[in-house]
Protein backbone atom coordinates (compact mmCIF):
# COMPACT_ATOMS: atom_id res chain seq x y z
CA UNK A 1 8.71 -11.84 -6.41
CA UNK A 2 10.73 -11.21 -3.28
CA UNK A 3 11.32 -7.58 -4.24
CA UNK A 4 7.55 -7.09 -4.59
CA UNK A 5 7.02 -8.36 -1.07
CA UNK A 6 9.73 -6.07 0.31
CA UNK A 7 8.15 -3.05 -1.40
CA UNK A 8 4.73 -4.08 -0.07
CA UNK A 9 6.15 -4.43 3.46
CA UNK A 10 7.64 -0.93 3.21
CA UNK A 11 4.28 0.45 2.04
CA UNK A 12 2.48 -1.24 4.94
CA UNK A 13 5.07 0.06 7.41
CA UNK A 14 4.67 3.55 5.99
CA UNK A 15 0.90 3.33 6.39
CA UNK A 16 1.21 2.25 10.01
CA UNK A 17 3.83 4.88 10.82
CA UNK A 18 1.71 7.60 9.21
CA UNK A 19 -1.36 6.63 11.22
CA UNK A 20 0.54 6.51 14.52
CA UNK A 21 2.84 9.52 14.23
CA UNK A 22 1.98 11.86 11.35
CA UNK A 23 -1.79 12.28 11.40
CA UNK A 24 -3.08 15.54 9.97
CA UNK A 25 -4.95 17.96 12.20
CA UNK A 26 -7.94 18.20 9.87
CA UNK A 27 -10.04 15.04 10.03
CA UNK A 28 -11.28 15.36 6.45
CA UNK A 29 -7.76 15.71 5.05
CA UNK A 30 -6.55 12.82 7.18
CA UNK A 31 -9.39 10.65 5.86
CA UNK A 32 -8.52 11.58 2.27
CA UNK A 33 -4.86 10.68 2.81
CA UNK A 34 -5.84 7.35 4.39
CA UNK A 35 -8.18 6.51 1.50
CA UNK A 36 -5.57 7.38 -1.12
CA UNK A 37 -2.85 5.42 0.69
CA UNK A 38 -5.15 2.40 1.10
CA UNK A 39 -6.03 2.61 -2.60
CA UNK A 40 -2.34 2.51 -3.47
CA UNK A 41 -1.89 -0.53 -1.21
CA UNK A 42 -4.79 -2.41 -2.81
CA UNK A 43 -3.57 -1.43 -6.26
CA UNK A 44 -0.15 -2.84 -5.46
CA UNK A 45 -1.74 -6.06 -4.19
CA UNK A 46 -3.56 -6.41 -7.51
CA UNK A 47 -0.33 -5.72 -9.40
CA UNK A 48 1.45 -8.45 -7.41
CA UNK A 49 -1.38 -10.89 -8.14
CA UNK A 50 -1.24 -10.04 -11.85
CA UNK A 51 2.55 -10.48 -11.92
CA UNK A 52 2.26 -13.83 -10.15
CA UNK A 53 -0.43 -15.09 -12.52
CA UNK A 54 1.61 -13.96 -15.52
CA UNK A 55 4.67 -15.74 -14.13
CA UNK A 56 2.66 -18.94 -13.50
CA UNK A 57 1.31 -18.87 -17.06
CA UNK A 58 4.81 -19.06 -18.59
């Protein structure tokens, strides 16, 4: 489970770094990138929850 948390921390850091330093010039494209990145983050949260529940079941 520790490796999942490290990967999640790297994803969060990447999201923060992107929003501070690498924003796109076009607002629509920037919004699309933010939505896709946030969707990946929420998907990974759900994967971690599923993995934890599966581990608790055993």
